[in-house]
Amino acid sequence: MFKGKEIILGIFIVLAFIGTAQAKKFEQFYVYKDKPSINHFVASGFMPDGRCVAINDTWLDNCQDSRSCIQLQFNRDCSATGIGWAGIYWLAPANNWGDAKSGGYNLTGAKKLVFWARGEKGGEVVTFKMGGVGMGHPYPDSDGAGTDPIVLTKDWKEYSIDLKGKDLKHIIGGFAWVGTAKENQSNITFYVRNIYYI
């Protein structure tokens, strides 16, 4: 007697579940698309002190199909006289190493961090990261991940960092790169663009 109503009710429950799942689908979240697009995170975490790196986030030459891209430089000669490495973190808000209670983003649902990169000459070795900021501070990243050292080519290539199983509820370090004196025998220049979570 109630079989038909139960079937209809079951269909509504399934449709409601599907609708909720679709509503919660993670949308593309940009760290850097181009300028003047609205981007998230700020390239403000200069490691260890900013002396051995340089950045131009409005670079216009050979940015493929982007309006602008980011030129980055690692001064190997400078770093070799210190701790042997240097890099930059994109933080939210700027200069937040885990002390700002209101900082960061909830990126739950993201499956990977995607970015494009190329070297000026080819052969540049760079490691890319996300998260992992603020250990020992009141409001650190909830997780972190990174690549192995990548040998860049002169051509643009897409890379990604797998985020499956990561706790992404509080991310203040949206993107980072590190160069080392050990892996690079000279100063390097490289480029990144189209950095986003998906």
Protein backbone atom coordinates (compact mmCIF):
# COMPACT_ATOMS: atom_id res chain seq x y z
CA MET A 1 0.00 0.00 0.00
CA PHE A 2 2.79 2.40 0.90
CA LYS A 3 5.32 0.97 -1.53
CA GLY A 4 4.86 3.71 -4.15
CA LYS A 5 5.23 6.49 -1.57
CA GLU A 6 8.33 4.84 -0.12
CA ILE A 7 9.94 4.67 -3.57
CA ILE A 8 9.17 8.34 -4.24
CA LEU A 9 10.54 9.31 -0.81
CA GLY A 10 13.67 7.29 -1.52
CA ILE A 11 14.17 9.09 -4.85
CA PHE A 12 13.85 12.48 -3.13
CA ILE A 13 16.45 11.47 -0.52
CA VAL A 14 18.88 10.35 -3.23
CA LEU A 15 18.37 13.55 -5.22
CA ALA A 16 18.86 15.65 -2.08
CA PHE A 17 22.09 13.79 -1.35
CA ILE A 18 23.35 14.32 -4.91
CA GLY A 19 22.42 17.99 -4.74
CA THR A 20 24.31 18.45 -1.47
CA ALA A 21 27.39 16.68 -2.85
CA GLN A 22 27.37 18.88 -5.94
CA ALA A 23 26.93 22.01 -3.84
CA LYS A 24 30.01 21.08 -1.84
CA LYS A 25 32.16 20.38 -4.90
CA PHE A 26 35.46 22.25 -4.54
CA GLU A 27 35.79 25.16 -6.94
CA GLN A 28 39.06 26.25 -8.51
CA PHE A 29 40.88 28.46 -5.99
CA TYR A 30 43.70 30.63 -7.31
CA VAL A 31 46.92 31.40 -5.52
CA TYR A 32 48.00 33.31 -8.64
CA LYS A 33 46.20 33.54 -11.97
CA ASP A 34 47.70 36.74 -13.34
CA LYS A 35 47.66 40.44 -12.63
CA PRO A 36 45.25 42.19 -12.14
CA SER A 37 43.05 39.14 -11.38
CA ILE A 38 41.93 38.57 -7.79
CA ASN A 39 44.44 36.16 -6.25
CA HIS A 40 44.70 34.55 -2.80
CA PHE A 41 47.80 34.47 -0.58
CA VAL A 42 50.65 37.00 -0.78
CA ALA A 43 54.27 36.32 -1.74
CA SER A 44 55.60 37.69 1.54
CA GLY A 45 57.34 34.78 3.25
CA PHE A 46 60.94 35.38 2.26
CA MET A 47 63.17 32.57 3.49
CA PRO A 48 65.42 32.76 5.36
CA ASP A 49 65.62 36.57 5.15
CA GLY A 50 64.94 37.62 1.55
CA ARG A 51 68.53 38.49 0.65
CA CYS A 52 69.03 35.65 -1.83
CA VAL A 53 65.76 35.76 -3.78
CA ALA A 54 63.95 38.14 -6.13
CA ILE A 55 60.39 38.22 -7.49
CA ASN A 56 58.50 40.06 -10.22
CA ASP A 57 54.84 38.99 -10.27
CA THR A 58 53.91 41.20 -13.24
CA TRP A 59 56.31 39.64 -15.76
CA LEU A 60 54.90 39.86 -19.30
CA ASP A 61 57.35 38.08 -21.58
CA ASN A 62 56.64 34.45 -22.64
CA CYS A 63 53.79 33.82 -20.19
CA GLN A 64 52.06 31.46 -22.62
CA ASP A 65 48.30 32.20 -22.52
CA SER A 66 48.39 34.12 -19.22
CA ARG A 67 48.27 37.93 -19.12
CA SER A 68 51.24 37.89 -16.75
CA CYS A 69 53.40 35.39 -14.91
CA ILE A 70 55.94 35.42 -12.07
CA GLN A 71 59.67 35.72 -12.59
CA LEU A 72 61.68 34.26 -9.69
CA GLN A 73 65.40 34.31 -9.00
CA PHE A 74 67.54 32.29 -6.63
CA ASN A 75 71.00 33.75 -5.95
CA ARG A 76 73.12 30.68 -5.40
CA ASP A 77 76.25 32.72 -4.69
CA CYS A 78 74.44 34.56 -1.90
CA SER A 79 72.96 31.43 -0.31
CA ALA A 80 76.25 29.51 -0.47
CA THR A 81 77.75 31.92 2.05
CA GLY A 82 74.88 31.25 4.47
CA ILE A 83 72.66 28.22 5.05
CA GLY A 84 72.71 27.09 1.43
CA TRP A 85 69.05 27.56 0.48
CA ALA A 86 66.40 30.24 0.00
CA GLY A 87 62.81 30.58 -1.18
CA ILE A 88 59.47 32.33 -0.90
CA TYR A 89 56.13 31.37 0.68
CA TRP A 90 52.77 32.79 -0.41
CA LEU A 91 51.04 33.51 2.93
CA ALA A 92 47.55 34.53 4.12
CA PRO A 93 47.52 37.19 5.29
CA ALA A 94 50.87 38.67 4.28
CA ASN A 95 53.76 37.88 6.64
CA ASN A 96 51.65 35.44 8.67
CA TRP A 97 53.84 32.60 9.96
CA GLY A 98 51.09 31.18 12.18
CA ASP A 99 50.37 34.03 14.58
CA ALA A 100 47.18 35.44 13.02
CA LYS A 101 44.02 33.79 14.34
CA SER A 102 41.95 34.98 11.38
CA GLY A 103 44.50 33.93 8.76
CA GLY A 104 44.39 31.19 6.18
CA TYR A 105 41.74 29.43 4.12
CA ASN A 106 39.71 26.27 4.45
CA LEU A 107 40.61 24.32 1.30
CA THR A 108 38.84 21.11 2.28
CA GLY A 109 37.79 19.25 -0.85
CA ALA A 110 40.81 20.20 -2.96
CA LYS A 111 42.47 17.19 -4.55
CA LYS A 112 45.65 18.82 -5.83
CA LEU A 113 47.61 22.03 -6.20
CA VAL A 114 48.36 22.74 -9.86
CA PHE A 115 50.96 25.12 -11.26
CA TRP A 116 52.96 25.74 -14.43
CA ALA A 117 56.71 26.37 -14.40
CA ARG A 118 59.66 26.80 -16.76
CA GLY A 119 63.34 27.64 -16.44
CA GLU A 120 65.16 30.52 -18.09
CA LYS A 121 67.78 28.17 -19.56
CA GLY A 122 66.62 24.70 -18.51
CA GLY A 123 68.28 22.60 -15.84
CA GLU A 124 67.21 24.77 -12.89
CA VAL A 125 66.35 22.64 -9.85
CA VAL A 126 63.50 23.80 -7.62
CA THR A 127 61.29 22.20 -4.96
CA PHE A 128 57.68 23.35 -4.63
CA LYS A 129 55.52 23.13 -1.51
CA MET A 130 52.24 24.05 0.16
CA GLY A 131 51.28 24.23 3.82
CA GLY A 132 53.65 23.23 6.60
CA VAL A 133 53.85 26.78 7.96
CA GLY A 134 53.74 27.85 11.59
CA MET A 135 54.87 24.82 13.55
CA GLY A 136 55.38 26.06 17.11
CA HIS A 137 53.10 29.06 16.54
CA PRO A 138 49.50 29.40 17.81
CA TYR A 139 47.73 28.94 14.45
CA PRO A 140 49.82 26.74 12.14
CA ASP A 141 48.86 25.06 8.89
CA SER A 142 46.75 21.94 9.39
CA ASP A 143 48.93 19.97 6.95
CA GLY A 144 51.54 20.25 4.23
CA ALA A 145 52.82 18.61 1.05
CA GLY A 146 55.47 19.13 -1.61
CA THR A 147 57.28 17.87 -4.67
CA ASP A 148 60.65 16.23 -4.96
CA PRO A 149 63.27 18.53 -6.50
CA ILE A 150 62.15 19.28 -10.07
CA VAL A 151 64.56 19.88 -12.95
CA LEU A 152 62.89 22.56 -15.04
CA THR A 153 63.03 22.84 -18.82
CA LYS A 154 62.91 25.96 -21.01
CA ASP A 155 59.34 25.11 -21.96
CA TRP A 156 56.24 25.61 -19.84
CA LYS A 157 55.12 22.41 -18.14
CA GLU A 158 52.23 21.66 -15.80
CA TYR A 159 53.01 20.16 -12.38
CA SER A 160 50.83 19.24 -9.42
CA ILE A 161 51.05 18.35 -5.74
CA ASP A 162 48.74 15.52 -4.64
CA LEU A 163 46.54 16.52 -1.69
CA LYS A 164 44.48 13.37 -1.27
CA GLY A 165 44.17 12.51 2.43
CA LYS A 166 45.52 15.88 3.55
CA ASP A 167 43.86 17.96 6.27
CA LEU A 168 43.22 21.26 4.48
CA LYS A 169 40.87 22.99 6.93
CA HIS A 170 43.40 25.74 7.75
CA ILE A 171 46.05 26.65 5.16
CA ILE A 172 48.09 29.83 5.52
CA GLY A 173 51.00 28.78 3.28
CA GLY A 174 49.30 28.47 -0.10
CA PHE A 175 52.39 27.92 -2.24
CA ALA A 176 56.17 28.00 -1.90
CA TRP A 177 59.39 27.28 -3.71
CA VAL A 178 62.90 26.53 -2.47
CA GLY A 179 66.22 26.51 -4.29
CA THR A 180 69.45 25.11 -2.87
CA ALA A 181 73.15 25.72 -3.50
CA LYS A 182 73.71 21.96 -3.51
CA GLU A 183 71.30 21.32 -6.37
CA ASN A 184 72.19 24.40 -8.43
CA GLN A 185 75.74 25.21 -9.42
CA SER A 186 74.94 28.79 -10.46
CA ASN A 187 72.34 31.51 -9.94
CA ILE A 188 68.98 30.61 -11.50
CA THR A 189 65.96 32.37 -12.96
CA PHE A 190 62.65 30.60 -13.50
CA TYR A 191 58.98 31.36 -13.99
CA VAL A 192 55.64 30.15 -12.61
CA ARG A 193 52.05 30.89 -13.55
CA ASN A 194 48.47 29.67 -13.16
CA ILE A 195 48.77 28.40 -9.57
CA TYR A 196 45.51 26.99 -8.21
CA TYR A 197 43.83 24.40 -6.00
CA ILE A 198 41.26 22.12 -7.56
